[in-house]
Amino acid sequence: MAARLFEAARNGDAVTLAAYVDAGVPVDLCNDKGDSLLMLAAYHGRTDVVQALVDRGADVDRLNDRGQAPVAGALFKGEDDVVRVLARAGADPYAGHPTAVDTARMFGREDLLPLFGVDPETGERTEPS
């Protein structure tokens, strides 16, 4: 069953995932690499799944076994809508390695940093967290 849930996260089946989480499946369920349902959905650009998991209390800063955060994965893949959902949910742009700030700067996506209260030029907070 777990494999099916991880596939649902990758493929964008928000209805199925929401139903299973609502029935008791842990919202922060992880695979053998430490990738949470949220990480898989974020990396694959599944905005609806990310929102459904966030709405059910998913840990937006949960790192996988490689120390990567969902928001950095979404930035790396160019999934702007997912980045916006995670920013609204309070994702820490400095969590993990590389951080979302580092990833945005690496890939020329500094335009997204203000969503996190981060100055695009300096990479420092512009607002209190």
N, C-alpha and C. Protein backbone atom coordinates (compact mmCIF):
# COMPACT_ATOMS: atom_id res chain seq x y z
N MET A 1 0.82 -1.19 0.00
CA MET A 1 0.00 0.00 0.00
C MET A 1 0.87 1.26 0.00
N ALA A 2 1.97 1.25 0.77
CA ALA A 2 2.83 2.43 0.85
C ALA A 2 3.35 2.81 -0.54
N ALA A 3 3.76 1.82 -1.31
CA ALA A 3 4.27 2.09 -2.66
C ALA A 3 3.20 2.80 -3.50
N ARG A 4 1.95 2.38 -3.34
CA ARG A 4 0.86 3.01 -4.08
C ARG A 4 0.68 4.47 -3.66
N LEU A 5 0.86 4.75 -2.38
CA LEU A 5 0.73 6.12 -1.89
C LEU A 5 1.86 7.01 -2.41
N PHE A 6 3.08 6.47 -2.45
CA PHE A 6 4.20 7.25 -2.99
C PHE A 6 3.98 7.53 -4.47
N GLU A 7 3.43 6.56 -5.20
CA GLU A 7 3.10 6.78 -6.62
C GLU A 7 2.02 7.85 -6.75
N ALA A 8 1.03 7.82 -5.88
CA ALA A 8 -0.04 8.83 -5.92
C ALA A 8 0.54 10.23 -5.71
N ALA A 9 1.52 10.34 -4.82
CA ALA A 9 2.17 11.64 -4.59
C ALA A 9 2.90 12.10 -5.85
N ARG A 10 3.64 11.19 -6.47
CA ARG A 10 4.39 11.53 -7.69
C ARG A 10 3.46 11.87 -8.85
N ASN A 11 2.34 11.16 -8.94
CA ASN A 11 1.44 11.30 -10.09
C ASN A 11 0.36 12.35 -9.90
N GLY A 12 0.26 12.92 -8.70
CA GLY A 12 -0.70 14.00 -8.49
C GLY A 12 -2.10 13.58 -8.11
N ASP A 13 -2.24 12.41 -7.49
CA ASP A 13 -3.56 11.94 -7.09
C ASP A 13 -3.90 12.45 -5.69
N ALA A 14 -4.29 13.71 -5.62
CA ALA A 14 -4.57 14.37 -4.35
C ALA A 14 -5.77 13.75 -3.64
N VAL A 15 -6.77 13.34 -4.38
CA VAL A 15 -7.98 12.78 -3.78
C VAL A 15 -7.66 11.49 -3.02
N THR A 16 -6.91 10.60 -3.67
CA THR A 16 -6.54 9.34 -3.02
C THR A 16 -5.68 9.58 -1.79
N LEU A 17 -4.66 10.42 -1.92
CA LEU A 17 -3.79 10.69 -0.77
C LEU A 17 -4.55 11.32 0.38
N ALA A 18 -5.38 12.28 0.08
CA ALA A 18 -6.16 12.94 1.13
C ALA A 18 -7.05 11.92 1.85
N ALA A 19 -7.67 11.04 1.10
CA ALA A 19 -8.55 10.03 1.71
C ALA A 19 -7.75 9.11 2.64
N TYR A 20 -6.60 8.67 2.22
CA TYR A 20 -5.78 7.79 3.06
C TYR A 20 -5.27 8.51 4.30
N VAL A 21 -4.83 9.74 4.14
CA VAL A 21 -4.35 10.50 5.30
C VAL A 21 -5.52 10.76 6.26
N ASP A 22 -6.66 11.10 5.71
CA ASP A 22 -7.84 11.32 6.55
C ASP A 22 -8.25 10.05 7.29
N ALA A 23 -7.93 8.88 6.70
CA ALA A 23 -8.27 7.59 7.32
C ALA A 23 -7.20 7.11 8.30
N GLY A 24 -6.09 7.87 8.41
CA GLY A 24 -5.10 7.50 9.41
C GLY A 24 -3.68 7.25 8.95
N VAL A 25 -3.44 7.27 7.65
CA VAL A 25 -2.06 7.13 7.17
C VAL A 25 -1.27 8.37 7.63
N PRO A 26 -0.08 8.19 8.16
CA PRO A 26 0.70 9.35 8.61
C PRO A 26 0.96 10.33 7.46
N VAL A 27 0.67 11.59 7.68
CA VAL A 27 0.84 12.61 6.65
C VAL A 27 2.31 12.76 6.26
N ASP A 28 3.22 12.43 7.18
CA ASP A 28 4.65 12.55 6.89
C ASP A 28 5.30 11.20 6.57
N LEU A 29 4.51 10.26 6.05
CA LEU A 29 5.03 8.96 5.64
C LEU A 29 6.20 9.13 4.69
N CYS A 30 7.29 8.37 4.93
CA CYS A 30 8.50 8.48 4.11
C CYS A 30 8.85 7.13 3.48
N ASN A 31 9.50 7.20 2.33
CA ASN A 31 9.99 5.98 1.67
C ASN A 31 11.38 5.62 2.21
N ASP A 32 12.01 4.64 1.60
CA ASP A 32 13.30 4.15 2.08
C ASP A 32 14.44 5.15 1.90
N LYS A 33 14.21 6.23 1.18
CA LYS A 33 15.22 7.28 1.00
C LYS A 33 14.92 8.50 1.87
N GLY A 34 13.89 8.37 2.69
CA GLY A 34 13.50 9.47 3.55
C GLY A 34 12.66 10.53 2.85
N ASP A 35 12.25 10.25 1.63
CA ASP A 35 11.40 11.21 0.91
C ASP A 35 9.97 11.08 1.42
N SER A 36 9.45 12.17 1.95
CA SER A 36 8.06 12.19 2.42
C SER A 36 7.12 12.30 1.22
N LEU A 37 5.85 12.05 1.48
CA LEU A 37 4.84 12.25 0.44
C LEU A 37 4.92 13.68 -0.09
N LEU A 38 5.12 14.63 0.82
CA LEU A 38 5.22 16.04 0.42
C LEU A 38 6.44 16.28 -0.46
N MET A 39 7.58 15.69 -0.10
CA MET A 39 8.79 15.85 -0.92
C MET A 39 8.56 15.33 -2.33
N LEU A 40 7.97 14.15 -2.45
CA LEU A 40 7.73 13.57 -3.77
C LEU A 40 6.78 14.43 -4.59
N ALA A 41 5.72 14.90 -3.95
CA ALA A 41 4.76 15.75 -4.66
C ALA A 41 5.39 17.08 -5.06
N ALA A 42 6.18 17.67 -4.18
CA ALA A 42 6.83 18.95 -4.47
C ALA A 42 7.80 18.81 -5.63
N TYR A 43 8.62 17.78 -5.60
CA TYR A 43 9.64 17.56 -6.62
C TYR A 43 9.01 17.32 -7.99
N HIS A 44 7.84 16.71 -7.99
CA HIS A 44 7.17 16.39 -9.26
C HIS A 44 6.13 17.44 -9.66
N GLY A 45 6.10 18.55 -8.93
CA GLY A 45 5.24 19.66 -9.33
C GLY A 45 3.76 19.42 -9.13
N ARG A 46 3.40 18.63 -8.15
CA ARG A 46 1.99 18.29 -7.90
C ARG A 46 1.39 19.24 -6.87
N THR A 47 1.07 20.42 -7.33
CA THR A 47 0.59 21.50 -6.46
C THR A 47 -0.62 21.08 -5.64
N ASP A 48 -1.59 20.40 -6.26
CA ASP A 48 -2.79 19.99 -5.53
C ASP A 48 -2.46 19.02 -4.40
N VAL A 49 -1.54 18.12 -4.65
CA VAL A 49 -1.14 17.16 -3.61
C VAL A 49 -0.41 17.90 -2.50
N VAL A 50 0.50 18.80 -2.86
CA VAL A 50 1.23 19.57 -1.86
C VAL A 50 0.24 20.32 -0.98
N GLN A 51 -0.73 20.98 -1.59
CA GLN A 51 -1.71 21.74 -0.81
C GLN A 51 -2.53 20.82 0.09
N ALA A 52 -2.96 19.67 -0.43
CA ALA A 52 -3.75 18.73 0.37
C ALA A 52 -2.94 18.24 1.57
N LEU A 53 -1.67 17.96 1.38
CA LEU A 53 -0.83 17.48 2.48
C LEU A 53 -0.56 18.61 3.49
N VAL A 54 -0.31 19.80 2.99
CA VAL A 54 -0.11 20.96 3.88
C VAL A 54 -1.37 21.18 4.72
N ASP A 55 -2.52 21.10 4.08
CA ASP A 55 -3.79 21.29 4.79
C ASP A 55 -4.00 20.25 5.88
N ARG A 56 -3.33 19.12 5.75
CA ARG A 56 -3.47 18.03 6.73
C ARG A 56 -2.29 17.98 7.71
N GLY A 57 -1.48 19.04 7.70
CA GLY A 57 -0.44 19.16 8.70
C GLY A 57 0.92 18.59 8.35
N ALA A 58 1.20 18.37 7.08
CA ALA A 58 2.51 17.85 6.68
C ALA A 58 3.62 18.81 7.12
N ASP A 59 4.73 18.24 7.51
CA ASP A 59 5.91 19.01 7.91
C ASP A 59 6.58 19.54 6.65
N VAL A 60 6.42 20.84 6.38
CA VAL A 60 6.94 21.42 5.14
C VAL A 60 8.46 21.50 5.12
N ASP A 61 9.10 21.32 6.28
CA ASP A 61 10.56 21.40 6.35
C ASP A 61 11.23 20.04 6.59
N ARG A 62 10.48 18.96 6.49
CA ARG A 62 11.04 17.63 6.73
C ARG A 62 12.09 17.31 5.66
N LEU A 63 13.30 17.04 6.12
CA LEU A 63 14.41 16.74 5.21
C LEU A 63 14.42 15.25 4.88
N ASN A 64 14.86 14.94 3.66
CA ASN A 64 15.04 13.53 3.32
C ASN A 64 16.41 13.06 3.80
N ASP A 65 16.76 11.83 3.50
CA ASP A 65 18.02 11.28 3.98
C ASP A 65 19.26 11.96 3.39
N ARG A 66 19.08 12.74 2.34
CA ARG A 66 20.18 13.49 1.74
C ARG A 66 20.23 14.92 2.26
N GLY A 67 19.36 15.23 3.22
CA GLY A 67 19.34 16.56 3.81
C GLY A 67 18.67 17.61 2.95
N GLN A 68 17.81 17.18 2.04
CA GLN A 68 17.13 18.11 1.14
C GLN A 68 15.72 18.41 1.64
N ALA A 69 15.31 19.67 1.49
CA ALA A 69 13.97 20.11 1.88
C ALA A 69 13.06 20.16 0.66
N PRO A 70 11.76 19.95 0.86
CA PRO A 70 10.82 20.00 -0.27
C PRO A 70 10.88 21.30 -1.07
N VAL A 71 11.03 22.44 -0.41
CA VAL A 71 11.03 23.71 -1.14
C VAL A 71 12.26 23.83 -2.03
N ALA A 72 13.39 23.34 -1.60
CA ALA A 72 14.58 23.37 -2.45
C ALA A 72 14.39 22.46 -3.66
N GLY A 73 13.75 21.30 -3.45
CA GLY A 73 13.46 20.40 -4.57
C GLY A 73 12.54 21.04 -5.58
N ALA A 74 11.52 21.74 -5.11
CA ALA A 74 10.59 22.42 -6.01
C ALA A 74 11.29 23.54 -6.78
N LEU A 75 12.16 24.27 -6.10
CA LEU A 75 12.93 25.33 -6.79
C LEU A 75 13.84 24.72 -7.85
N PHE A 76 14.52 23.66 -7.49
CA PHE A 76 15.42 22.98 -8.43
C PHE A 76 14.68 22.55 -9.69
N LYS A 77 13.47 22.05 -9.52
CA LYS A 77 12.69 21.57 -10.67
C LYS A 77 11.90 22.67 -11.37
N GLY A 78 11.95 23.91 -10.86
CA GLY A 78 11.24 25.01 -11.50
C GLY A 78 9.74 24.96 -11.27
N GLU A 79 9.32 24.41 -10.14
CA GLU A 79 7.90 24.27 -9.83
C GLU A 79 7.42 25.48 -9.00
N ASP A 80 7.24 26.60 -9.68
CA ASP A 80 6.92 27.86 -9.01
C ASP A 80 5.65 27.81 -8.18
N ASP A 81 4.60 27.16 -8.69
CA ASP A 81 3.35 27.10 -7.93
C ASP A 81 3.53 26.32 -6.64
N VAL A 82 4.31 25.25 -6.68
CA VAL A 82 4.59 24.49 -5.46
C VAL A 82 5.39 25.35 -4.49
N VAL A 83 6.36 26.09 -4.99
CA VAL A 83 7.15 26.98 -4.14
C VAL A 83 6.22 27.97 -3.44
N ARG A 84 5.26 28.52 -4.15
CA ARG A 84 4.32 29.48 -3.56
C ARG A 84 3.50 28.83 -2.44
N VAL A 85 3.01 27.61 -2.68
CA VAL A 85 2.24 26.92 -1.64
C VAL A 85 3.10 26.70 -0.40
N LEU A 86 4.32 26.25 -0.61
CA LEU A 86 5.21 25.98 0.52
C LEU A 86 5.58 27.27 1.26
N ALA A 87 5.77 28.35 0.53
CA ALA A 87 6.07 29.63 1.16
C ALA A 87 4.90 30.07 2.04
N ARG A 88 3.68 29.98 1.50
CA ARG A 88 2.49 30.35 2.29
C ARG A 88 2.35 29.47 3.53
N ALA A 89 2.83 28.23 3.43
CA ALA A 89 2.73 27.29 4.55
C ALA A 89 3.85 27.48 5.56
N GLY A 90 4.75 28.43 5.29
CA GLY A 90 5.81 28.73 6.25
C GLY A 90 7.09 27.94 6.09
N ALA A 91 7.34 27.38 4.92
CA ALA A 91 8.58 26.63 4.71
C ALA A 91 9.79 27.51 4.99
N ASP A 92 10.78 26.93 5.61
CA ASP A 92 12.01 27.63 5.97
C ASP A 92 12.95 27.64 4.76
N PRO A 93 13.25 28.81 4.20
CA PRO A 93 14.11 28.87 3.01
C PRO A 93 15.57 28.53 3.30
N TYR A 94 15.90 28.38 4.59
CA TYR A 94 17.28 28.06 4.98
C TYR A 94 17.43 26.61 5.44
N ALA A 95 16.35 25.83 5.36
CA ALA A 95 16.40 24.43 5.79
C ALA A 95 17.11 23.57 4.75
N GLY A 96 17.85 22.59 5.23
CA GLY A 96 18.47 21.60 4.34
C GLY A 96 19.72 22.10 3.65
N HIS A 97 20.21 21.24 2.76
CA HIS A 97 21.40 21.57 2.00
C HIS A 97 21.31 20.93 0.61
N PRO A 98 21.40 21.70 -0.44
CA PRO A 98 21.46 23.16 -0.41
C PRO A 98 20.13 23.74 0.04
N THR A 99 20.18 24.93 0.61
CA THR A 99 18.96 25.59 1.04
C THR A 99 18.16 26.06 -0.17
N ALA A 100 16.92 26.46 0.07
CA ALA A 100 16.11 27.03 -1.00
C ALA A 100 16.74 28.33 -1.49
N VAL A 101 17.32 29.09 -0.57
CA VAL A 101 17.99 30.34 -0.96
C VAL A 101 19.16 30.02 -1.90
N ASP A 102 19.98 29.06 -1.53
CA ASP A 102 21.11 28.67 -2.39
C ASP A 102 20.62 28.17 -3.75
N THR A 103 19.58 27.36 -3.73
CA THR A 103 19.04 26.79 -4.98
C THR A 103 18.49 27.89 -5.87
N ALA A 104 17.75 28.82 -5.29
CA ALA A 104 17.20 29.93 -6.08
C ALA A 104 18.31 30.74 -6.72
N ARG A 105 19.36 30.98 -5.97
CA ARG A 105 20.48 31.77 -6.50
C ARG A 105 21.24 30.99 -7.58
N MET A 106 21.40 29.68 -7.37
CA MET A 106 22.09 28.84 -8.35
C MET A 106 21.39 28.83 -9.70
N PHE A 107 20.05 28.82 -9.66
CA PHE A 107 19.28 28.68 -10.89
C PHE A 107 18.63 29.98 -11.34
N GLY A 108 19.09 31.11 -10.81
CA GLY A 108 18.59 32.40 -11.26
C GLY A 108 17.12 32.63 -10.92
N ARG A 109 16.66 32.11 -9.80
CA ARG A 109 15.26 32.27 -9.41
C ARG A 109 15.12 33.12 -8.16
N GLU A 110 15.97 34.13 -8.07
CA GLU A 110 15.93 35.05 -6.93
C GLU A 110 14.58 35.76 -6.82
N ASP A 111 13.83 35.81 -7.94
CA ASP A 111 12.52 36.47 -7.94
C ASP A 111 11.55 35.81 -6.96
N LEU A 112 11.79 34.55 -6.60
CA LEU A 112 10.91 33.84 -5.68
C LEU A 112 11.28 34.06 -4.21
N LEU A 113 12.45 34.56 -3.95
CA LEU A 113 12.91 34.71 -2.56
C LEU A 113 12.06 35.67 -1.72
N PRO A 114 11.52 36.76 -2.28
CA PRO A 114 10.66 37.61 -1.46
C PRO A 114 9.44 36.89 -0.88
N LEU A 115 9.01 35.80 -1.50
CA LEU A 115 7.91 35.01 -0.95
C LEU A 115 8.22 34.53 0.46
N PHE A 116 9.50 34.39 0.76
CA PHE A 116 9.96 33.89 2.06
C PHE A 116 10.47 35.01 2.96
N GLY A 117 10.33 36.26 2.50
CA GLY A 117 10.87 37.38 3.27
C GLY A 117 12.39 37.42 3.20
N VAL A 118 12.93 37.05 2.04
CA VAL A 118 14.38 37.02 1.84
C VAL A 118 14.75 38.02 0.74
N ASP A 119 15.75 38.84 1.01
CA ASP A 119 16.24 39.80 0.03
C ASP A 119 16.89 39.04 -1.13
N PRO A 120 16.45 39.28 -2.37
CA PRO A 120 16.99 38.56 -3.51
C PRO A 120 18.49 38.80 -3.76
N GLU A 121 18.97 39.96 -3.37
CA GLU A 121 20.38 40.28 -3.62
C GLU A 121 21.32 39.76 -2.55
N THR A 122 20.90 39.84 -1.29
CA THR A 122 21.79 39.45 -0.22
C THR A 122 21.54 38.04 0.32
N GLY A 123 20.33 37.52 0.08
CA GLY A 123 19.98 36.21 0.63
C GLY A 123 19.65 36.24 2.11
N GLU A 124 19.52 37.47 2.65
CA GLU A 124 19.21 37.61 4.07
C GLU A 124 17.73 37.94 4.26
N ARG A 125 17.22 37.62 5.43
CA ARG A 125 15.81 37.92 5.76
C ARG A 125 15.57 39.42 5.71
N THR A 126 14.42 39.78 5.16
CA THR A 126 14.01 41.18 5.12
C THR A 126 12.89 41.42 6.12
N GLU A 127 12.31 40.31 6.61
CA GLU A 127 11.22 40.39 7.58
C GLU A 127 11.54 39.43 8.72
N PRO A 128 11.02 39.73 9.87
CA PRO A 128 11.22 38.77 10.98
C PRO A 128 10.48 37.47 10.68
N SER A 129 11.05 36.33 11.09
CA SER A 129 10.38 35.05 10.83
C SER A 129 9.38 34.71 11.91
